[in-house]
């Protein structure tokens, strides 16, 4: 099977604006969280444009009938933010995905006609994302049924994903070229967990 990865970087000024807010090293935690939420909103809007199932429907208006289109509610859509920072992307995306079912971990069983949206804060070397996607594929979810939303990606991570996962579409605000010796994206957006002041361990 041919391995194909479609990467979409929408040329939208609002996406560029909120990415710039994320990049600035002095952006305070609340505004950093807002920037992630806004990127989640706009990237998801772009990602579902040609993917969200819909059907035609005729409705009655005050002066006659009109042909319209409605979202196909019989097709399940699962939203899977990768914790902890991926939850911020979902907080923005939920306004354009009101019918999606929230999964706080990638599901082990997925209905045959369901779509899955993964929300990942950023992709560095791609190893975490390949593991997640391979898990979905083992559950029978092929790449064409998945959309991956991420604020930022690094070229090495995209290369690994593209060599491993078939027929995947990924939406991101930008592709950065390099990783540092420590594995951080350069120039990057910093560590979202640290910049959001998220506590990952409970105090003793």
N, C-alpha and C. Protein backbone atom coordinates (compact mmCIF):
# COMPACT_ATOMS: atom_id res chain seq x y z
N UNK A 1 0.85 -1.20 0.00
CA UNK A 1 0.00 0.00 0.00
C UNK A 1 0.88 1.25 0.00
N UNK A 2 0.56 2.19 -0.87
CA UNK A 2 1.34 3.42 -0.94
C UNK A 2 1.11 4.25 0.32
N UNK A 3 2.19 4.76 0.87
CA UNK A 3 2.10 5.60 2.05
C UNK A 3 1.96 7.06 1.60
N UNK A 4 0.86 7.71 1.99
CA UNK A 4 0.66 9.11 1.62
C UNK A 4 0.25 9.89 2.86
N UNK A 5 0.88 11.03 3.06
CA UNK A 5 0.54 11.94 4.15
C UNK A 5 0.20 13.29 3.53
N UNK A 6 -1.01 13.76 3.81
CA UNK A 6 -1.43 15.06 3.32
C UNK A 6 -1.36 16.04 4.48
N UNK A 7 -0.51 17.04 4.35
CA UNK A 7 -0.33 18.05 5.39
C UNK A 7 -0.92 19.36 4.89
N UNK A 8 -1.84 19.92 5.68
CA UNK A 8 -2.51 21.16 5.29
C UNK A 8 -2.11 22.25 6.28
N UNK A 9 -1.57 23.35 5.76
CA UNK A 9 -1.23 24.53 6.56
C UNK A 9 -2.12 25.66 6.03
N UNK A 10 -3.28 25.90 6.64
CA UNK A 10 -4.21 26.89 6.09
C UNK A 10 -3.62 28.30 6.11
N UNK A 11 -3.67 29.02 4.99
CA UNK A 11 -3.14 30.39 4.93
C UNK A 11 -4.13 31.40 5.47
N UNK A 12 -4.43 31.30 6.76
CA UNK A 12 -5.44 32.15 7.37
C UNK A 12 -4.77 33.12 8.34
N UNK A 13 -5.06 34.42 8.26
CA UNK A 13 -4.39 35.38 9.14
C UNK A 13 -4.65 35.15 10.62
N UNK A 14 -5.82 34.64 10.98
CA UNK A 14 -6.08 34.37 12.39
C UNK A 14 -5.22 33.21 12.89
N UNK A 15 -5.01 32.20 12.05
CA UNK A 15 -4.14 31.09 12.44
C UNK A 15 -2.71 31.58 12.62
N UNK A 16 -2.24 32.42 11.70
CA UNK A 16 -0.89 32.98 11.82
C UNK A 16 -0.76 33.84 13.07
N UNK A 17 -1.80 34.60 13.38
CA UNK A 17 -1.77 35.46 14.57
C UNK A 17 -1.62 34.65 15.85
N UNK A 18 -2.47 33.63 16.00
CA UNK A 18 -2.44 32.87 17.25
C UNK A 18 -1.19 32.01 17.36
N UNK A 19 -0.63 31.58 16.25
CA UNK A 19 0.66 30.89 16.30
C UNK A 19 1.74 31.84 16.80
N UNK A 20 1.72 33.07 16.34
CA UNK A 20 2.71 34.05 16.78
C UNK A 20 2.60 34.29 18.28
N UNK A 21 1.37 34.34 18.79
CA UNK A 21 1.17 34.49 20.24
C UNK A 21 1.80 33.31 20.98
N UNK A 22 1.63 32.10 20.46
CA UNK A 22 2.23 30.92 21.08
C UNK A 22 3.75 30.99 21.07
N UNK A 23 4.31 31.48 19.98
CA UNK A 23 5.77 31.50 19.85
C UNK A 23 6.44 32.46 20.84
N UNK A 24 5.77 33.56 21.14
CA UNK A 24 6.40 34.60 21.97
C UNK A 24 6.71 34.05 23.35
N UNK A 25 7.96 34.14 23.75
CA UNK A 25 8.38 33.50 25.00
C UNK A 25 7.81 34.17 26.24
N UNK A 26 7.29 35.40 26.10
CA UNK A 26 6.74 36.10 27.26
C UNK A 26 5.22 36.09 27.29
N UNK A 27 4.58 35.31 26.43
CA UNK A 27 3.12 35.20 26.48
C UNK A 27 2.71 34.55 27.80
N UNK A 28 1.85 35.18 28.58
CA UNK A 28 1.43 34.58 29.87
C UNK A 28 0.58 33.34 29.65
N UNK A 29 0.53 32.49 30.68
CA UNK A 29 -0.16 31.20 30.57
C UNK A 29 -1.62 31.33 30.12
N UNK A 30 -2.41 32.26 30.68
CA UNK A 30 -3.81 32.33 30.23
C UNK A 30 -3.95 32.65 28.75
N UNK A 31 -3.13 33.58 28.25
CA UNK A 31 -3.19 33.93 26.84
C UNK A 31 -2.65 32.80 25.97
N UNK A 32 -1.65 32.10 26.48
CA UNK A 32 -1.12 30.93 25.76
C UNK A 32 -2.23 29.89 25.58
N UNK A 33 -2.99 29.66 26.64
CA UNK A 33 -4.10 28.72 26.54
C UNK A 33 -5.15 29.19 25.55
N UNK A 34 -5.45 30.48 25.55
CA UNK A 34 -6.40 31.03 24.59
C UNK A 34 -5.92 30.82 23.16
N UNK A 35 -4.62 31.01 22.93
CA UNK A 35 -4.05 30.82 21.59
C UNK A 35 -4.21 29.37 21.12
N UNK A 36 -3.97 28.42 22.00
CA UNK A 36 -4.17 27.02 21.64
C UNK A 36 -5.64 26.75 21.32
N UNK A 37 -6.54 27.31 22.12
CA UNK A 37 -7.96 27.11 21.87
C UNK A 37 -8.38 27.70 20.53
N UNK A 38 -7.88 28.88 20.21
CA UNK A 38 -8.23 29.50 18.93
C UNK A 38 -7.67 28.70 17.75
N UNK A 39 -6.46 28.19 17.89
CA UNK A 39 -5.91 27.35 16.83
C UNK A 39 -6.73 26.06 16.70
N UNK A 40 -7.17 25.52 17.82
CA UNK A 40 -8.02 24.34 17.76
C UNK A 40 -9.30 24.62 17.00
N UNK A 41 -9.87 25.79 17.24
CA UNK A 41 -11.12 26.17 16.56
C UNK A 41 -10.91 26.30 15.05
N UNK A 42 -9.92 27.09 14.65
CA UNK A 42 -9.76 27.41 13.23
C UNK A 42 -9.18 26.24 12.44
N UNK A 43 -8.27 25.49 13.03
CA UNK A 43 -7.72 24.33 12.32
C UNK A 43 -8.78 23.25 12.14
N UNK A 44 -9.63 23.08 13.16
CA UNK A 44 -10.70 22.09 13.04
C UNK A 44 -11.71 22.52 11.99
N UNK A 45 -12.04 23.79 11.97
CA UNK A 45 -12.96 24.30 10.94
C UNK A 45 -12.44 23.96 9.54
N UNK A 46 -11.14 24.15 9.33
CA UNK A 46 -10.54 23.83 8.04
C UNK A 46 -10.53 22.32 7.80
N UNK A 47 -10.26 21.55 8.85
CA UNK A 47 -10.09 20.10 8.69
C UNK A 47 -11.38 19.39 8.30
N UNK A 48 -12.51 19.90 8.77
CA UNK A 48 -13.77 19.21 8.51
C UNK A 48 -14.50 19.75 7.29
N UNK A 49 -13.92 20.73 6.62
CA UNK A 49 -14.60 21.38 5.50
C UNK A 49 -15.07 20.37 4.44
N UNK A 50 -14.19 19.46 4.04
CA UNK A 50 -14.51 18.47 3.01
C UNK A 50 -14.62 17.06 3.57
N UNK A 51 -14.78 16.95 4.87
CA UNK A 51 -14.70 15.63 5.51
C UNK A 51 -15.94 15.29 6.33
N UNK A 52 -16.60 16.30 6.85
CA UNK A 52 -17.74 16.06 7.75
C UNK A 52 -18.92 15.54 6.94
N UNK A 53 -19.47 14.38 7.29
CA UNK A 53 -20.60 13.82 6.53
C UNK A 53 -21.81 14.73 6.61
N UNK A 54 -22.48 14.93 5.47
CA UNK A 54 -23.67 15.76 5.43
C UNK A 54 -24.61 15.23 4.34
N UNK A 55 -25.83 15.69 4.38
CA UNK A 55 -26.83 15.24 3.41
C UNK A 55 -27.76 16.39 3.08
N UNK A 56 -28.35 16.36 1.88
CA UNK A 56 -29.30 17.42 1.50
C UNK A 56 -30.60 17.28 2.26
N UNK A 57 -31.26 18.40 2.49
CA UNK A 57 -32.56 18.38 3.15
C UNK A 57 -33.35 19.60 2.72
N UNK A 58 -34.61 19.38 2.41
CA UNK A 58 -35.52 20.46 2.05
C UNK A 58 -36.24 20.92 3.31
N UNK A 59 -36.25 22.24 3.54
CA UNK A 59 -36.93 22.79 4.72
C UNK A 59 -37.96 23.82 4.25
N UNK A 60 -38.95 24.01 5.08
CA UNK A 60 -40.00 24.98 4.78
C UNK A 60 -39.67 26.32 5.42
N UNK A 61 -39.74 27.37 4.63
CA UNK A 61 -39.56 28.73 5.15
C UNK A 61 -40.92 29.41 5.19
N UNK A 62 -40.94 30.67 5.59
CA UNK A 62 -42.21 31.40 5.68
C UNK A 62 -42.84 31.61 4.30
N UNK A 63 -42.01 31.52 3.25
CA UNK A 63 -42.55 31.82 1.91
C UNK A 63 -42.37 30.67 0.93
N UNK A 64 -41.97 29.51 1.40
CA UNK A 64 -41.81 28.38 0.48
C UNK A 64 -40.75 27.41 0.96
N UNK A 65 -40.45 26.44 0.12
CA UNK A 65 -39.43 25.44 0.45
C UNK A 65 -38.05 25.88 -0.05
N UNK A 66 -37.02 25.42 0.67
CA UNK A 66 -35.65 25.72 0.29
C UNK A 66 -34.80 24.47 0.42
N UNK A 67 -33.90 24.28 -0.53
CA UNK A 67 -32.97 23.16 -0.45
C UNK A 67 -31.80 23.54 0.44
N UNK A 68 -31.50 22.66 1.39
CA UNK A 68 -30.40 22.93 2.30
C UNK A 68 -29.54 21.71 2.51
N UNK A 69 -28.71 21.76 3.52
CA UNK A 69 -27.81 20.66 3.85
C UNK A 69 -27.66 20.60 5.35
N UNK A 70 -27.66 19.38 5.91
CA UNK A 70 -27.51 19.20 7.35
C UNK A 70 -26.43 18.16 7.62
N UNK A 71 -25.80 18.27 8.77
CA UNK A 71 -24.79 17.30 9.17
C UNK A 71 -25.45 15.95 9.40
N UNK A 72 -24.82 14.89 8.91
CA UNK A 72 -25.34 13.54 9.05
C UNK A 72 -25.06 13.03 10.46
N UNK A 73 -26.08 13.08 11.31
CA UNK A 73 -25.90 12.74 12.72
C UNK A 73 -25.76 11.24 12.95
N UNK A 74 -26.06 10.41 11.96
CA UNK A 74 -25.95 8.97 12.14
C UNK A 74 -24.51 8.48 12.00
N UNK A 75 -23.60 9.35 11.58
CA UNK A 75 -22.19 8.98 11.46
C UNK A 75 -21.46 9.46 12.71
N UNK A 76 -20.97 8.57 13.57
CA UNK A 76 -20.31 8.99 14.81
C UNK A 76 -19.00 9.74 14.53
N UNK A 77 -18.74 10.72 15.36
CA UNK A 77 -17.48 11.46 15.29
C UNK A 77 -16.88 11.51 16.69
N UNK A 78 -15.67 10.99 16.83
CA UNK A 78 -14.99 10.92 18.12
C UNK A 78 -13.88 11.96 18.18
N UNK A 79 -13.88 12.77 19.22
CA UNK A 79 -12.85 13.77 19.43
C UNK A 79 -11.92 13.28 20.54
N UNK A 80 -10.63 13.13 20.22
CA UNK A 80 -9.67 12.54 21.16
C UNK A 80 -8.51 13.50 21.41
N UNK A 81 -8.62 14.38 22.41
CA UNK A 81 -7.47 15.22 22.76
C UNK A 81 -6.42 14.41 23.50
N UNK A 82 -5.16 14.57 23.11
CA UNK A 82 -4.07 13.88 23.79
C UNK A 82 -3.64 14.72 24.97
N UNK A 83 -3.87 14.21 26.16
CA UNK A 83 -3.66 14.97 27.39
C UNK A 83 -2.18 15.13 27.71
N UNK A 84 -1.85 16.24 28.42
CA UNK A 84 -2.82 17.22 28.92
C UNK A 84 -3.09 18.40 27.97
N UNK A 85 -2.06 18.83 27.21
CA UNK A 85 -2.20 20.09 26.48
C UNK A 85 -3.11 20.00 25.27
N UNK A 86 -3.32 18.80 24.72
CA UNK A 86 -4.24 18.67 23.60
C UNK A 86 -5.66 19.04 23.96
N UNK A 87 -5.95 19.05 25.27
CA UNK A 87 -7.29 19.42 25.72
C UNK A 87 -7.61 20.87 25.39
N UNK A 88 -6.58 21.73 25.37
CA UNK A 88 -6.80 23.14 25.02
C UNK A 88 -7.26 23.27 23.57
N UNK A 89 -6.66 22.50 22.67
CA UNK A 89 -7.11 22.53 21.28
C UNK A 89 -8.58 22.11 21.18
N UNK A 90 -8.94 21.07 21.93
CA UNK A 90 -10.32 20.60 21.91
C UNK A 90 -11.28 21.66 22.45
N UNK A 91 -10.88 22.40 23.47
CA UNK A 91 -11.75 23.42 24.04
C UNK A 91 -12.17 24.44 22.98
N UNK A 92 -11.27 24.72 22.05
CA UNK A 92 -11.64 25.60 20.95
C UNK A 92 -12.44 24.89 19.88
N UNK A 93 -12.09 23.64 19.61
CA UNK A 93 -12.73 22.90 18.52
C UNK A 93 -14.17 22.52 18.84
N UNK A 94 -14.51 22.40 20.10
CA UNK A 94 -15.83 21.90 20.47
C UNK A 94 -16.95 22.80 19.95
N UNK A 95 -16.65 24.08 19.74
CA UNK A 95 -17.69 24.99 19.25
C UNK A 95 -18.08 24.69 17.80
N UNK A 96 -17.20 24.04 17.04
CA UNK A 96 -17.53 23.68 15.66
C UNK A 96 -17.81 22.19 15.52
N UNK A 97 -17.74 21.46 16.63
CA UNK A 97 -18.05 20.03 16.63
C UNK A 97 -19.03 19.71 17.76
N UNK A 98 -20.20 20.33 17.76
CA UNK A 98 -21.11 20.16 18.91
C UNK A 98 -21.64 18.75 19.08
N UNK A 99 -21.61 17.93 18.02
CA UNK A 99 -22.17 16.59 18.10
C UNK A 99 -21.09 15.53 18.35
N UNK A 100 -19.83 15.93 18.46
CA UNK A 100 -18.75 14.96 18.63
C UNK A 100 -18.78 14.37 20.04
N UNK A 101 -18.37 13.11 20.13
CA UNK A 101 -18.23 12.42 21.42
C UNK A 101 -16.81 12.56 21.91
N UNK A 102 -16.63 13.07 23.12
CA UNK A 102 -15.30 13.29 23.67
C UNK A 102 -14.74 11.99 24.23
N UNK A 103 -13.51 11.65 23.82
CA UNK A 103 -12.78 10.50 24.34
C UNK A 103 -11.47 11.00 24.91
N UNK A 104 -11.26 10.83 26.20
CA UNK A 104 -10.04 11.33 26.82
C UNK A 104 -8.86 10.39 26.66
N UNK A 105 -9.05 9.32 25.90
CA UNK A 105 -7.97 8.41 25.51
C UNK A 105 -8.39 7.79 24.19
N UNK A 106 -7.44 7.50 23.30
CA UNK A 106 -7.81 6.85 22.03
C UNK A 106 -8.59 5.57 22.28
N UNK A 107 -9.75 5.41 21.67
CA UNK A 107 -10.60 4.25 21.96
C UNK A 107 -10.03 2.94 21.43
N UNK A 108 -10.30 1.85 22.15
CA UNK A 108 -9.88 0.52 21.70
C UNK A 108 -10.84 -0.06 20.67
N UNK A 109 -12.10 0.35 20.74
CA UNK A 109 -13.11 -0.11 19.79
C UNK A 109 -13.78 1.09 19.17
N UNK A 110 -13.86 1.09 17.84
CA UNK A 110 -14.44 2.21 17.10
C UNK A 110 -15.44 1.66 16.09
N UNK A 111 -16.62 2.26 16.03
CA UNK A 111 -17.62 1.82 15.06
C UNK A 111 -17.07 1.92 13.64
N UNK A 112 -17.57 1.04 12.78
CA UNK A 112 -17.02 0.91 11.43
C UNK A 112 -17.13 2.19 10.61
N UNK A 113 -18.15 3.00 10.88
CA UNK A 113 -18.33 4.21 10.09
C UNK A 113 -17.93 5.48 10.83
N UNK A 114 -17.28 5.35 11.97
CA UNK A 114 -16.94 6.52 12.79
C UNK A 114 -15.69 7.22 12.27
N UNK A 115 -15.68 8.54 12.44
CA UNK A 115 -14.48 9.33 12.19
C UNK A 115 -13.82 9.69 13.51
N UNK A 116 -12.50 9.85 13.49
CA UNK A 116 -11.75 10.16 14.70
C UNK A 116 -10.89 11.40 14.45
N UNK A 117 -10.98 12.38 15.35
CA UNK A 117 -10.12 13.56 15.29
C UNK A 117 -9.20 13.54 16.50
N UNK A 118 -7.90 13.51 16.24
CA UNK A 118 -6.90 13.56 17.29
C UNK A 118 -6.41 15.00 17.46
N UNK A 119 -6.36 15.47 18.70
CA UNK A 119 -5.87 16.81 19.00
C UNK A 119 -4.55 16.67 19.75
N UNK A 120 -3.46 17.05 19.09
CA UNK A 120 -2.11 16.93 19.65
C UNK A 120 -1.50 18.32 19.72
N UNK A 121 -0.97 18.71 20.87
CA UNK A 121 -0.46 20.08 21.01
C UNK A 121 0.62 20.40 19.98
N UNK A 122 1.61 19.51 19.83
CA UNK A 122 2.66 19.70 18.83
C UNK A 122 3.30 18.35 18.53
N UNK A 123 3.91 18.25 17.36
CA UNK A 123 4.55 17.01 16.93
C UNK A 123 6.04 17.28 16.74
N UNK A 124 6.86 16.61 17.52
CA UNK A 124 8.31 16.82 17.40
C UNK A 124 8.95 15.71 16.57
N UNK A 125 9.30 14.57 17.20
CA UNK A 125 9.92 13.48 16.43
C UNK A 125 8.90 12.53 15.82
N UNK A 126 7.64 12.65 16.23
CA UNK A 126 6.56 11.85 15.64
C UNK A 126 6.36 10.48 16.26
N UNK A 127 7.21 10.07 17.19
CA UNK A 127 7.11 8.71 17.73
C UNK A 127 5.82 8.51 18.53
N UNK A 128 5.44 9.51 19.34
CA UNK A 128 4.19 9.39 20.11
C UNK A 128 2.99 9.26 19.17
N UNK A 129 2.97 10.07 18.13
CA UNK A 129 1.84 10.09 17.22
C UNK A 129 1.75 8.79 16.41
N UNK A 130 2.88 8.26 15.99
CA UNK A 130 2.89 6.99 15.26
C UNK A 130 2.34 5.88 16.15
N UNK A 131 2.71 5.86 17.43
CA UNK A 131 2.19 4.86 18.35
C UNK A 131 0.67 4.98 18.49
N UNK A 132 0.17 6.21 18.61
CA UNK A 132 -1.27 6.42 18.73
C UNK A 132 -2.01 5.98 17.47
N UNK A 133 -1.47 6.36 16.32
CA UNK A 133 -2.11 6.03 15.05
C UNK A 133 -2.06 4.53 14.77
N UNK A 134 -0.94 3.90 15.13
CA UNK A 134 -0.87 2.44 14.97
C UNK A 134 -1.89 1.74 15.85
N UNK A 135 -2.13 2.28 17.04
CA UNK A 135 -3.15 1.71 17.91
C UNK A 135 -4.54 1.82 17.30
N UNK A 136 -4.82 2.95 16.67
CA UNK A 136 -6.11 3.10 16.00
C UNK A 136 -6.23 2.14 14.82
N UNK A 137 -5.15 1.98 14.07
CA UNK A 137 -5.19 1.08 12.92
C UNK A 137 -5.41 -0.36 13.36
N UNK A 138 -4.82 -0.72 14.51
CA UNK A 138 -5.04 -2.07 15.04
C UNK A 138 -6.50 -2.26 15.46
N UNK A 139 -7.20 -1.15 15.75
CA UNK A 139 -8.63 -1.21 16.09
C UNK A 139 -9.50 -1.13 14.84
N UNK A 140 -8.86 -1.11 13.67
CA UNK A 140 -9.61 -1.09 12.42
C UNK A 140 -9.88 0.27 11.85
N UNK A 141 -9.26 1.32 12.40
CA UNK A 141 -9.48 2.68 11.92
C UNK A 141 -8.35 3.05 10.97
N UNK A 142 -8.63 3.01 9.66
CA UNK A 142 -7.60 3.37 8.69
C UNK A 142 -7.42 4.88 8.63
N UNK A 143 -6.30 5.29 8.04
CA UNK A 143 -5.92 6.70 8.06
C UNK A 143 -6.94 7.65 7.47
N UNK A 144 -7.70 7.22 6.46
CA UNK A 144 -8.66 8.12 5.83
C UNK A 144 -9.80 8.49 6.77
N UNK A 145 -10.00 7.73 7.84
CA UNK A 145 -11.05 8.03 8.80
C UNK A 145 -10.55 8.89 9.96
N UNK A 146 -9.31 9.36 9.86
CA UNK A 146 -8.68 10.13 10.95
C UNK A 146 -8.30 11.52 10.44
N UNK A 147 -8.49 12.51 11.29
CA UNK A 147 -7.92 13.82 11.08
C UNK A 147 -7.06 14.14 12.31
N UNK A 148 -5.87 14.64 12.07
CA UNK A 148 -4.97 14.99 13.17
C UNK A 148 -4.81 16.50 13.17
N UNK A 149 -5.17 17.12 14.30
CA UNK A 149 -5.08 18.57 14.47
C UNK A 149 -3.95 18.87 15.44
N UNK A 150 -3.02 19.72 15.03
CA UNK A 150 -1.90 20.05 15.90
C UNK A 150 -1.46 21.49 15.66
N UNK A 151 -1.05 22.17 16.73
CA UNK A 151 -0.66 23.57 16.58
C UNK A 151 0.61 23.71 15.76
N UNK A 152 1.53 22.79 15.90
CA UNK A 152 2.84 22.93 15.26
C UNK A 152 3.44 21.56 15.01
N UNK A 153 4.17 21.43 13.91
CA UNK A 153 4.87 20.19 13.61
C UNK A 153 6.31 20.48 13.25
N UNK A 154 7.15 19.47 13.43
CA UNK A 154 8.54 19.54 12.99
C UNK A 154 8.72 18.59 11.82
N UNK A 155 9.57 18.96 10.90
CA UNK A 155 9.78 18.15 9.70
C UNK A 155 10.18 16.70 10.01
N UNK A 156 11.07 16.45 10.98
CA UNK A 156 11.42 15.05 11.27
C UNK A 156 10.21 14.21 11.68
N UNK A 157 9.30 14.80 12.45
CA UNK A 157 8.10 14.07 12.86
C UNK A 157 7.19 13.77 11.70
N UNK A 158 7.04 14.74 10.80
CA UNK A 158 6.21 14.51 9.62
C UNK A 158 6.80 13.41 8.74
N UNK A 159 8.10 13.40 8.64
CA UNK A 159 8.76 12.37 7.82
C UNK A 159 8.46 10.98 8.37
N UNK A 160 8.57 10.82 9.69
CA UNK A 160 8.30 9.52 10.30
C UNK A 160 6.85 9.11 10.11
N UNK A 161 5.94 10.03 10.34
CA UNK A 161 4.51 9.71 10.18
C UNK A 161 4.21 9.35 8.73
N UNK A 162 4.75 10.12 7.80
CA UNK A 162 4.50 9.87 6.39
C UNK A 162 5.03 8.53 5.92
N UNK A 163 6.10 8.06 6.53
CA UNK A 163 6.68 6.77 6.15
C UNK A 163 5.94 5.60 6.78
N UNK A 164 5.09 5.88 7.77
CA UNK A 164 4.51 4.82 8.57
C UNK A 164 3.01 4.66 8.42
N UNK A 165 2.28 5.78 8.31
CA UNK A 165 0.82 5.76 8.36
C UNK A 165 0.25 6.09 6.98
N UNK A 166 -0.55 5.21 6.40
CA UNK A 166 -1.12 5.47 5.08
C UNK A 166 -2.37 6.35 5.13
N UNK A 167 -2.51 7.18 4.09
CA UNK A 167 -3.76 7.92 3.84
C UNK A 167 -4.21 8.79 5.01
N UNK A 168 -3.28 9.52 5.60
CA UNK A 168 -3.60 10.38 6.74
C UNK A 168 -3.61 11.84 6.30
N UNK A 169 -4.53 12.63 6.86
CA UNK A 169 -4.55 14.07 6.64
C UNK A 169 -4.31 14.78 7.97
N UNK A 170 -3.39 15.72 7.95
CA UNK A 170 -2.97 16.43 9.16
C UNK A 170 -3.10 17.92 8.91
N UNK A 171 -3.68 18.64 9.87
CA UNK A 171 -3.80 20.09 9.78
C UNK A 171 -2.96 20.73 10.89
N UNK A 172 -2.17 21.70 10.51
CA UNK A 172 -1.26 22.36 11.45
C UNK A 172 -1.10 23.82 11.08
N UNK A 173 -0.70 24.63 12.07
CA UNK A 173 -0.50 26.05 11.81
C UNK A 173 0.82 26.33 11.10
N UNK A 174 1.81 25.45 11.27
CA UNK A 174 3.13 25.69 10.68
C UNK A 174 3.97 24.43 10.77
N UNK A 175 4.96 24.35 9.87
CA UNK A 175 5.95 23.27 9.91
C UNK A 175 7.30 23.89 10.19
N UNK A 176 7.89 23.57 11.34
CA UNK A 176 9.23 24.05 11.67
C UNK A 176 10.26 23.04 11.19
N UNK A 177 11.45 23.52 10.79
CA UNK A 177 12.39 22.62 10.10
C UNK A 177 13.17 21.67 10.99
N UNK A 178 13.46 22.07 12.23
CA UNK A 178 14.48 21.34 12.98
C UNK A 178 14.03 20.96 14.39
N UNK A 179 14.81 20.02 14.95
CA UNK A 179 14.75 19.71 16.37
C UNK A 179 16.09 20.03 17.00
N UNK A 180 16.07 20.50 18.24
CA UNK A 180 17.33 20.74 18.95
C UNK A 180 17.93 19.41 19.40
N UNK A 181 19.11 19.44 19.98
CA UNK A 181 19.74 18.23 20.48
C UNK A 181 18.90 17.59 21.58
N UNK A 182 18.08 18.39 22.27
CA UNK A 182 17.22 17.88 23.33
C UNK A 182 15.87 17.40 22.81
N UNK A 183 15.66 17.49 21.48
CA UNK A 183 14.41 17.04 20.90
C UNK A 183 13.31 18.07 20.87
N UNK A 184 13.62 19.33 21.18
CA UNK A 184 12.62 20.39 21.13
C UNK A 184 12.51 20.94 19.72
N UNK A 185 11.31 21.37 19.35
CA UNK A 185 11.10 21.96 18.04
C UNK A 185 11.76 23.35 17.99
N UNK A 186 12.43 23.64 16.88
CA UNK A 186 13.07 24.94 16.71
C UNK A 186 12.57 25.60 15.43
N UNK A 187 12.07 26.86 15.51
CA UNK A 187 12.02 27.74 16.69
C UNK A 187 10.95 27.38 17.71
N UNK A 188 9.88 26.74 17.30
CA UNK A 188 8.94 26.15 18.24
C UNK A 188 8.02 27.10 18.98
N UNK A 189 7.28 26.53 19.92
CA UNK A 189 6.33 27.28 20.77
C UNK A 189 6.60 26.99 22.25
N UNK A 190 7.77 26.44 22.56
CA UNK A 190 8.05 26.05 23.93
C UNK A 190 7.33 24.76 24.31
N UNK A 191 7.42 24.41 25.57
CA UNK A 191 6.74 23.22 26.09
C UNK A 191 5.34 23.63 26.56
N UNK A 192 4.28 23.21 25.85
CA UNK A 192 2.94 23.64 26.23
C UNK A 192 2.57 23.29 27.67
N UNK A 193 2.99 22.14 28.16
CA UNK A 193 2.64 21.75 29.53
C UNK A 193 3.24 22.74 30.53
N UNK A 194 4.50 23.09 30.32
CA UNK A 194 5.14 24.06 31.22
C UNK A 194 4.54 25.45 31.06
N UNK A 195 4.29 25.85 29.83
CA UNK A 195 3.82 27.21 29.59
C UNK A 195 2.38 27.41 30.04
N UNK A 196 1.61 26.32 30.09
CA UNK A 196 0.25 26.39 30.62
C UNK A 196 0.21 26.21 32.14
N UNK A 197 1.37 25.96 32.72
CA UNK A 197 1.46 25.70 34.16
C UNK A 197 0.60 24.53 34.60
N UNK A 198 0.63 23.47 33.76
CA UNK A 198 -0.13 22.26 34.09
C UNK A 198 0.68 21.39 35.02
N UNK A 199 0.09 20.98 36.12
CA UNK A 199 0.74 20.04 37.04
C UNK A 199 0.43 18.62 36.60
N UNK A 200 1.46 17.88 36.28
CA UNK A 200 1.25 16.50 35.82
C UNK A 200 1.36 15.47 36.92
N UNK A 201 1.83 15.89 38.10
CA UNK A 201 1.95 14.96 39.22
C UNK A 201 1.27 15.57 40.43
N UNK A 202 0.56 14.76 41.19
CA UNK A 202 -0.08 15.26 42.41
C UNK A 202 0.95 15.40 43.51
N UNK A 203 0.84 16.43 44.35
CA UNK A 203 1.76 16.60 45.48
C UNK A 203 1.60 15.46 46.49
N UNK A 204 2.68 15.13 47.15
CA UNK A 204 2.66 14.07 48.16
C UNK A 204 1.84 14.52 49.38
